[in-house]
PDB file of N, CA and C in Angstrom:
ATOM      1  N   MET A   1     -27.392   0.708  29.991  1.00  0.00           N
ATOM      2  CA  MET A   1     -28.034   0.248  28.417  1.00  0.00           C
ATOM      3  C   MET A   1     -27.542   0.922  27.173  1.00  0.00           C
ATOM      4  N   GLY A   2     -26.808   0.157  26.447  1.00  0.00           N
ATOM      5  CA  GLY A   2     -26.285   0.585  25.392  1.00  0.00           C
ATOM      6  C   GLY A   2     -24.794   0.450  24.875  1.00  0.00           C
ATOM      7  N   GLY A   3     -24.326   0.117  26.215  1.00  0.00           N
ATOM      8  CA  GLY A   3     -22.697   0.061  26.174  1.00  0.00           C
ATOM      9  C   GLY A   3     -22.624  -1.479  26.392  1.00  0.00           C
ATOM     10  N   LEU A   4     -21.174  -2.018  25.737  1.00  0.00           N
ATOM     11  CA  LEU A   4     -20.813  -3.351  26.162  1.00  0.00           C
ATOM     12  C   LEU A   4     -19.741  -3.190  27.195  1.00  0.00           C
ATOM     13  N   SER A   5     -20.034  -3.858  28.110  1.00  0.00           N
ATOM     14  CA  SER A   5     -18.558  -4.057  29.059  1.00  0.00           C
ATOM     15  C   SER A   5     -17.591  -5.326  28.637  1.00  0.00           C
ATOM     16  N   ILE A   6     -16.429  -5.369  29.438  1.00  0.00           N
ATOM     17  CA  ILE A   6     -15.562  -6.237  29.106  1.00  0.00           C
ATOM     18  C   ILE A   6     -16.384  -7.516  29.407  1.00  0.00           C
ATOM     19  N   TRP A   7     -16.819  -7.746  30.179  1.00  0.00           N
ATOM     20  CA  TRP A   7     -17.462  -9.250  30.328  1.00  0.00           C
ATOM     21  C   TRP A   7     -18.337  -9.937  29.225  1.00  0.00           C
ATOM     22  N   HIS A   8     -18.965  -8.635  28.407  1.00  0.00           N
ATOM     23  CA  HIS A   8     -19.913  -8.998  27.039  1.00  0.00           C
ATOM     24  C   HIS A   8     -18.712  -9.446  26.001  1.00  0.00           C
ATOM     25  N   TRP A   9     -17.716  -8.815  26.026  1.00  0.00           N
ATOM     26  CA  TRP A   9     -16.366  -8.718  25.025  1.00  0.00           C
ATOM     27  C   TRP A   9     -15.795 -10.436  24.849  1.00  0.00           C
ATOM     28  N   LEU A  10     -15.384 -10.823  26.254  1.00  0.00           N
ATOM     29  CA  LEU A  10     -15.384 -11.812  26.681  1.00  0.00           C
ATOM     30  C   LEU A  10     -15.859 -13.309  25.959  1.00  0.00           C
ATOM     31  N   VAL A  11     -17.406 -12.764  26.304  1.00  0.00           N
ATOM     32  CA  VAL A  11     -18.168 -13.942  26.122  1.00  0.00           C
ATOM     33  C   VAL A  11     -18.419 -13.980  24.510  1.00  0.00           C
ATOM     34  N   VAL A  12     -18.131 -13.130  23.869  1.00  0.00           N
ATOM     35  CA  VAL A  12     -18.262 -12.918  22.157  1.00  0.00           C
ATOM     36  C   VAL A  12     -17.009 -13.920  22.009  1.00  0.00           C
ATOM     37  N   LEU A  13     -15.858 -13.158  22.588  1.00  0.00           N
ATOM     38  CA  LEU A  13     -14.624 -13.973  22.010  1.00  0.00           C
ATOM     39  C   LEU A  13     -14.942 -15.496  22.129  1.00  0.00           C
ATOM     40  N   LEU A  14     -15.094 -15.706  22.975  1.00  0.00           N
ATOM     41  CA  LEU A  14     -15.283 -17.246  23.505  1.00  0.00           C
ATOM     42  C   LEU A  14     -16.197 -18.019  22.712  1.00  0.00           C
ATOM     43  N   VAL A  15     -17.420 -17.314  22.450  1.00  0.00           N
ATOM     44  CA  VAL A  15     -18.143 -18.093  21.322  1.00  0.00           C
ATOM     45  C   VAL A  15     -17.636 -18.239  19.780  1.00  0.00           C
ATOM     46  N   VAL A  16     -16.968 -16.946  19.442  1.00  0.00           N
ATOM     47  CA  VAL A  16     -16.107 -16.761  18.204  1.00  0.00           C
ATOM     48  C   VAL A  16     -14.898 -18.060  18.283  1.00  0.00           C
ATOM     49  N   VAL A  17     -14.282 -18.336  19.359  1.00  0.00           N
ATOM     50  CA  VAL A  17     -13.383 -19.056  19.366  1.00  0.00           C
ATOM     51  C   VAL A  17     -14.009 -20.476  19.404  1.00  0.00           C
ATOM     52  N   LEU A  18     -15.028 -20.883  20.111  1.00  0.00           N
ATOM     53  CA  LEU A  18     -15.756 -21.984  19.908  1.00  0.00           C
ATOM     54  C   LEU A  18     -16.382 -22.357  18.548  1.00  0.00           C
ATOM     55  N   ILE A  19     -16.806 -21.137  17.809  1.00  0.00           N
ATOM     56  CA  ILE A  19     -17.182 -21.700  16.559  1.00  0.00           C
ATOM     57  C   ILE A  19     -15.942 -21.846  15.508  1.00  0.00           C
ATOM     58  N   PHE A  20     -15.463 -21.084  15.405  1.00  0.00           N
ATOM     59  CA  PHE A  20     -14.096 -21.147  14.477  1.00  0.00           C
ATOM     60  C   PHE A  20     -13.026 -21.942  14.758  1.00  0.00           C
ATOM     61  N   GLY A  21     -12.429 -21.951  16.010  1.00  0.00           N
ATOM     62  CA  GLY A  21     -11.422 -22.672  16.478  1.00  0.00           C
ATOM     63  C   GLY A  21     -10.001 -21.852  16.455  1.00  0.00           C
ATOM     64  N   THR A  22      -9.350 -21.824  16.946  1.00  0.00           N
ATOM     65  CA  THR A  22      -7.994 -20.910  17.221  1.00  0.00           C
ATOM     66  C   THR A  22      -7.215 -21.076  16.199  1.00  0.00           C
ATOM     67  N   LYS A  23      -6.788 -22.523  15.446  1.00  0.00           N
ATOM     68  CA  LYS A  23      -6.193 -22.425  14.523  1.00  0.00           C
ATOM     69  C   LYS A  23      -6.533 -21.858  13.155  1.00  0.00           C
ATOM     70  N   LYS A  24      -8.050 -21.880  12.974  1.00  0.00           N
ATOM     71  CA  LYS A  24      -8.833 -21.059  11.779  1.00  0.00           C
ATOM     72  C   LYS A  24      -8.387 -19.428  11.819  1.00  0.00           C
ATOM     73  N   LEU A  25      -8.803 -18.947  13.311  1.00  0.00           N
ATOM     74  CA  LEU A  25      -8.503 -17.591  13.767  1.00  0.00           C
ATOM     75  C   LEU A  25      -6.983 -17.266  13.371  1.00  0.00           C
ATOM     76  N   ARG A  26      -6.186 -17.833  13.770  1.00  0.00           N
ATOM     77  CA  ARG A  26      -4.500 -17.827  13.304  1.00  0.00           C
ATOM     78  C   ARG A  26      -4.299 -17.414  12.385  1.00  0.00           C
ATOM     79  N   ASN A  27      -5.110 -18.109  11.391  1.00  0.00           N
ATOM     80  CA  ASN A  27      -4.768 -18.580   9.719  1.00  0.00           C
ATOM     81  C   ASN A  27      -5.698 -17.266   9.275  1.00  0.00           C
ATOM     82  N   MET A  28      -6.574 -17.052   9.581  1.00  0.00           N
ATOM     83  CA  MET A  28      -7.568 -15.699   9.371  1.00  0.00           C
ATOM     84  C   MET A  28      -6.699 -13.939   9.441  1.00  0.00           C
ATOM     85  N   GLY A  29      -5.666 -14.107  11.032  1.00  0.00           N
ATOM     86  CA  GLY A  29      -5.344 -13.215  11.272  1.00  0.00           C
ATOM     87  C   GLY A  29      -4.060 -12.949  10.215  1.00  0.00           C
ATOM     88  N   SER A  30      -3.166 -14.000  10.034  1.00  0.00           N
ATOM     89  CA  SER A  30      -2.004 -14.148   9.572  1.00  0.00           C
ATOM     90  C   SER A  30      -2.407 -13.622   7.488  1.00  0.00           C
ATOM     91  N   ASP A  31      -3.329 -14.059   7.379  1.00  0.00           N
ATOM     92  CA  ASP A  31      -4.188 -13.727   5.950  1.00  0.00           C
ATOM     93  C   ASP A  31      -4.012 -12.437   5.764  1.00  0.00           C
ATOM     94  N   LEU A  32      -5.098 -11.374   6.930  1.00  0.00           N
ATOM     95  CA  LEU A  32      -5.257 -10.393   7.095  1.00  0.00           C
ATOM     96  C   LEU A  32      -4.036  -9.557   7.197  1.00  0.00           C
ATOM     97  N   GLY A  33      -3.121  -9.705   8.224  1.00  0.00           N
ATOM     98  CA  GLY A  33      -1.947  -9.201   8.164  1.00  0.00           C
ATOM     99  C   GLY A  33      -0.894  -9.082   6.659  1.00  0.00           C
ATOM    100  N   GLY A  34      -0.906 -10.472   5.944  1.00  0.00           N
ATOM    101  CA  GLY A  34      -0.147 -10.159   4.900  1.00  0.00           C
ATOM    102  C   GLY A  34      -0.795  -9.512   4.038  1.00  0.00           C
ATOM    103  N   ALA A  35      -2.308  -9.067   3.843  1.00  0.00           N
ATOM    104  CA  ALA A  35      -3.153  -8.607   2.629  1.00  0.00           C
ATOM    105  C   ALA A  35      -2.938  -6.980   3.119  1.00  0.00           C
ATOM    106  N   VAL A  36      -2.495  -6.727   4.364  1.00  0.00           N
ATOM    107  CA  VAL A  36      -2.159  -4.950   4.862  1.00  0.00           C
ATOM    108  C   VAL A  36      -0.976  -4.986   4.462  1.00  0.00           C
ATOM    109  N   LYS A  37      -0.117  -5.674   4.489  1.00  0.00           N
ATOM    110  CA  LYS A  37       1.346  -5.524   4.312  1.00  0.00           C
ATOM    111  C   LYS A  37       1.760  -5.336   3.008  1.00  0.00           C
ATOM    112  N   GLY A  38       0.697  -6.109   2.252  1.00  0.00           N
ATOM    113  CA  GLY A  38       0.971  -6.275   0.700  1.00  0.00           C
ATOM    114  C   GLY A  38       0.360  -4.631   0.275  1.00  0.00           C
ATOM    115  N   PHE A  39      -0.639  -4.540   0.867  1.00  0.00           N
ATOM    116  CA  PHE A  39      -1.107  -3.393   0.328  1.00  0.00           C
ATOM    117  C   PHE A  39      -0.187  -1.873   0.767  1.00  0.00           C
ATOM    118  N   LYS A  40       0.305  -1.761   1.747  1.00  0.00           N
ATOM    119  CA  LYS A  40       1.165  -0.979   2.119  1.00  0.00           C
ATOM    120  C   LYS A  40       2.458  -0.907   1.383  1.00  0.00           C
ATOM    121  N   ASP A  41       2.861  -2.090   1.103  1.00  0.00           N
ATOM    122  CA  ASP A  41       4.289  -2.243  -0.329  1.00  0.00           C
ATOM    123  C   ASP A  41       3.415  -1.472  -1.725  1.00  0.00           C
ATOM    124  N   GLY A  42       2.351  -2.045  -1.913  1.00  0.00           N
ATOM    125  CA  GLY A  42       1.811  -1.599  -3.172  1.00  0.00           C
ATOM    126  C   GLY A  42       1.770  -0.245  -3.356  1.00  0.00           C
ATOM    127  N   MET A  43       1.174   0.352  -2.237  1.00  0.00           N
ATOM    128  CA  MET A  43       1.160   1.723  -1.992  1.00  0.00           C
ATOM    129  C   MET A  43       2.267   2.734  -2.275  1.00  0.00           C
ATOM    130  N   ARG A  44       3.453   2.254  -1.390  1.00  0.00           N
ATOM    131  CA  ARG A  44       4.629   2.709  -1.429  1.00  0.00           C
ATOM    132  C   ARG A  44       5.629   2.446  -2.975  1.00  0.00           C
ATOM    133  N   GLU A  45       5.248   1.444  -3.469  1.00  0.00           N
ATOM    134  CA  GLU A  45       6.005   1.048  -4.746  1.00  0.00           C
ATOM    135  C   GLU A  45       5.147   2.093  -5.872  1.00  0.00           C
ATOM    136  N   GLY A  46       3.745   2.023  -5.559  1.00  0.00           N
ATOM    137  CA  GLY A  46       3.281   2.895  -6.791  1.00  0.00           C
ATOM    138  C   GLY A  46       3.358   4.547  -6.601  1.00  0.00           C
ATOM    139  N   GLY A  47       3.755   4.883  -5.781  1.00  0.00           N
ATOM    140  CA  GLY A  47       4.246   6.056  -5.701  1.00  0.00           C
ATOM    141  C   GLY A  47       5.696   6.827  -5.909  1.00  0.00           C
ATOM    142  N   GLU A  48       6.414   5.400  -6.205  1.00  0.00           N
ATOM    143  CA  GLU A  48       8.015   5.718  -7.001  1.00  0.00           C
ATOM    144  C   GLU A  48       7.890   5.319  -8.388  1.00  0.00           C
ATOM    145  N   ALA A  49       7.040   4.396  -8.726  1.00  0.00           N
ATOM    146  CA  ALA A  49       7.076   4.134 -10.002  1.00  0.00           C
ATOM    147  C   ALA A  49       7.048   5.108 -11.272  1.00  0.00           C
ATOM    148  N   PRO A  50       6.354   6.215 -10.973  1.00  0.00           N
ATOM    149  CA  PRO A  50       6.321   7.181 -12.132  1.00  0.00           C
ATOM    150  C   PRO A  50       7.485   7.884 -12.283  1.00  0.00           C
ATOM    151  N   GLN A  51       7.758   8.329 -10.804  1.00  0.00           N
ATOM    152  CA  GLN A  51       9.270   9.108 -10.887  1.00  0.00           C
ATOM    153  C   GLN A  51      10.055   8.210 -11.718  1.00  0.00           C
ATOM    154  N   ALA A  52      10.385   6.750 -11.607  1.00  0.00           N
ATOM    155  CA  ALA A  52      11.326   6.170 -12.000  1.00  0.00           C
ATOM    156  C   ALA A  52      11.266   6.350 -13.856  1.00  0.00           C
ATOM    157  N   ALA A  53       9.846   6.137 -14.252  1.00  0.00           N
ATOM    158  CA  ALA A  53       9.460   6.229 -15.609  1.00  0.00           C
ATOM    159  C   ALA A  53       9.871   7.459 -16.133  1.00  0.00           C
ATOM    160  N   GLU A  54       9.393   8.684 -15.454  1.00  0.00           N
ATOM    161  CA  GLU A  54      10.107   9.762 -15.969  1.00  0.00           C
ATOM    162  C   GLU A  54      11.477  10.223 -16.194  1.00  0.00           C
ATOM    163  N   SER A  55      12.169   9.538 -15.021  1.00  0.00           N
ATOM    164  CA  SER A  55      13.993   9.773 -15.142  1.00  0.00           C
ATOM    165  C   SER A  55      13.997   8.769 -16.454  1.00  0.00           C
ATOM    166  N   ALA A  56      13.583   7.448 -16.700  1.00  0.00           N
ATOM    167  CA  ALA A  56      14.022   6.507 -17.998  1.00  0.00           C
ATOM    168  C   ALA A  56      13.695   7.310 -19.075  1.00  0.00           C
ATOM    169  N   LYS A  57      12.184   8.100 -19.409  1.00  0.00           N
ATOM    170  CA  LYS A  57      12.237   8.767 -20.515  1.00  0.00           C
ATOM    171  C   LYS A  57      13.356   9.928 -20.983  1.00  0.00           C
ATOM    172  N   VAL A  58      13.732  10.644 -19.756  1.00  0.00           N
ATOM    173  CA  VAL A  58      14.759  11.889 -19.897  1.00  0.00           C
ATOM    174  C   VAL A  58      15.780  11.167 -20.588  1.00  0.00           C
ATOM    175  N   ALA A  59      16.312  10.260 -19.798  1.00  0.00           N
ATOM    176  CA  ALA A  59      17.738   9.700 -20.439  1.00  0.00           C
ATOM    177  C   ALA A  59      17.599   8.837 -21.417  1.00  0.00           C
ATOM    178  N   ALA A  60      16.678   8.670 -21.952  1.00  0.00           N
ATOM    179  CA  ALA A  60      16.371   7.870 -23.174  1.00  0.00           C
ATOM    180  C   ALA A  60      16.267   8.735 -24.475  1.00  0.00           C
ATOM    181  N   GLN A  61      16.074  10.269 -24.298  1.00  0.00           N
ATOM    182  CA  GLN A  61      15.990  10.865 -25.417  1.00  0.00           C
ATOM    183  C   GLN A  61      17.657  11.587 -25.863  1.00  0.00           C
ATOM    184  N   PRO A  62      17.682  11.654 -27.084  1.00  0.00           N
ATOM    185  CA  PRO A  62      19.156  11.761 -27.864  1.00  0.00           C
ATOM    186  C   PRO A  62      19.492  13.079 -27.338  1.00  0.00           C
ATOM    187  N   LEU A  63      20.789  13.567 -27.072  1.00  0.00           N
ATOM    188  CA  LEU A  63      21.234  14.628 -27.002  1.00  0.00           C
ATOM    189  C   LEU A  63      21.130  15.504 -28.357  1.00  0.00           C
ATOM    190  N   PRO A  64      21.039  16.977 -28.371  1.00  0.00           N
ATOM    191  CA  PRO A  64      20.818  17.876 -29.473  1.00  0.00           C
ATOM    192  C   PRO A  64      22.420  17.950 -29.972  1.00  0.00           C
ATOM    193  N   ASP A  65      22.421  18.397 -31.148  1.00  0.00           N
ATOM    194  CA  ASP A  65      23.633  18.791 -31.854  1.00  0.00           C
ATOM    195  C   ASP A  65      23.636  20.160 -31.191  1.00  0.00           C
ATOM    196  N   ASP A  66      25.043  20.736 -31.539  1.00  0.00           N
ATOM    197  CA  ASP A  66      25.224  21.962 -31.283  1.00  0.00           C
ATOM    198  C   ASP A  66      24.514  23.077 -31.872  1.00  0.00           C
ATOM    199  N   LYS A  67      23.830  23.116 -32.869  1.00  0.00           N
ATOM    200  CA  LYS A  67      23.188  23.841 -34.049  1.00  0.00           C
ATOM    201  C   LYS A  67      21.727  23.606 -33.469  1.00  0.00           C
ATOM    202  N   GLU A  68      21.162  23.154 -32.588  1.00  0.00           N
ATOM    203  CA  GLU A  68      19.784  22.920 -32.260  1.00  0.00           C
ATOM    204  C   GLU A  68      19.737  23.184 -30.831  1.00  0.00           C
ATOM    205  N   THR A  69      18.845  24.152 -30.865  1.00  0.00           N
ATOM    206  CA  THR A  69      18.438  24.665 -29.384  1.00  0.00           C
ATOM    207  C   THR A  69      16.989  24.205 -28.859  1.00  0.00           C
ATOM    208  N   ILE A  70      17.085  23.675 -27.991  1.00  0.00           N
ATOM    209  CA  ILE A  70      15.530  23.433 -27.407  1.00  0.00           C
ATOM    210  C   ILE A  70      14.871  23.829 -26.296  1.00  0.00           C
ATOM    211  N   ASP A  71      13.685  24.628 -26.832  1.00  0.00           N
ATOM    212  CA  ASP A  71      13.058  25.126 -25.672  1.00  0.00           C
ATOM    213  C   ASP A  71      11.984  24.542 -24.579  1.00  0.00           C
ATOM    214  N   VAL A  72      12.402  24.451 -23.541  1.00  0.00           N
ATOM    215  CA  VAL A  72      11.237  23.555 -22.923  1.00  0.00           C
ATOM    216  C   VAL A  72      10.889  24.522 -21.351  1.00  0.00           C
ATOM    217  N   GLN A  73       9.712  23.929 -21.184  1.00  0.00           N
ATOM    218  CA  GLN A  73       9.247  24.829 -19.673  1.00  0.00           C
ATOM    219  C   GLN A  73       9.192  24.016 -18.793  1.00  0.00           C
ATOM    220  N   ALA A  74       9.774  24.339 -17.489  1.00  0.00           N
ATOM    221  CA  ALA A  74       9.764  23.489 -16.059  1.00  0.00           C
ATOM    222  C   ALA A  74       8.428  23.525 -15.310  1.00  0.00           C
ATOM    223  N   LYS A  75       7.591  22.610 -14.683  1.00  0.00           N
ATOM    224  CA  LYS A  75       6.806  23.255 -14.128  1.00  0.00           C
ATOM    225  C   LYS A  75       7.119  22.038 -12.765  1.00  0.00           C
ATOM    226  N   GLN A  76       6.394  22.790 -11.640  1.00  0.00           N
ATOM    227  CA  GLN A  76       6.965  22.072 -10.426  1.00  0.00           C
ATOM    228  C   GLN A  76       5.598  21.046  -9.838  1.00  0.00           C
ATOM    229  N   LYS A  77       5.860  19.906  -9.583  1.00  0.00           N
ATOM    230  CA  LYS A  77       5.001  19.129  -9.084  1.00  0.00           C
ATOM    231  C   LYS A  77       4.078  19.659  -7.654  1.00  0.00           C
ATOM    232  N   ASN A  78       2.966  19.447  -7.876  1.00  0.00           N
ATOM    233  CA  ASN A  78       2.495  20.088  -6.195  1.00  0.00           C
ATOM    234  C   ASN A  78       2.219  18.594  -5.171  1.00  0.00           C
TER     235      ASN A  78
END
């Protein structure tokens, strides 16, 4: 009592296939896979975007004249 055997899962799978049909289940599976892939791509791009924006800011700053000195403090990201 409490655990489901392989036969219970096969019966559940058969009932789900009979209710929804194989085509609808296939479409739901591909939609779910596309959503997961899109989420992973978004997470990967989300981590790279701030670095590209920072390098663009540094490149857009004008170069100082020989008479000017700019003091900056560098901080390391964690």
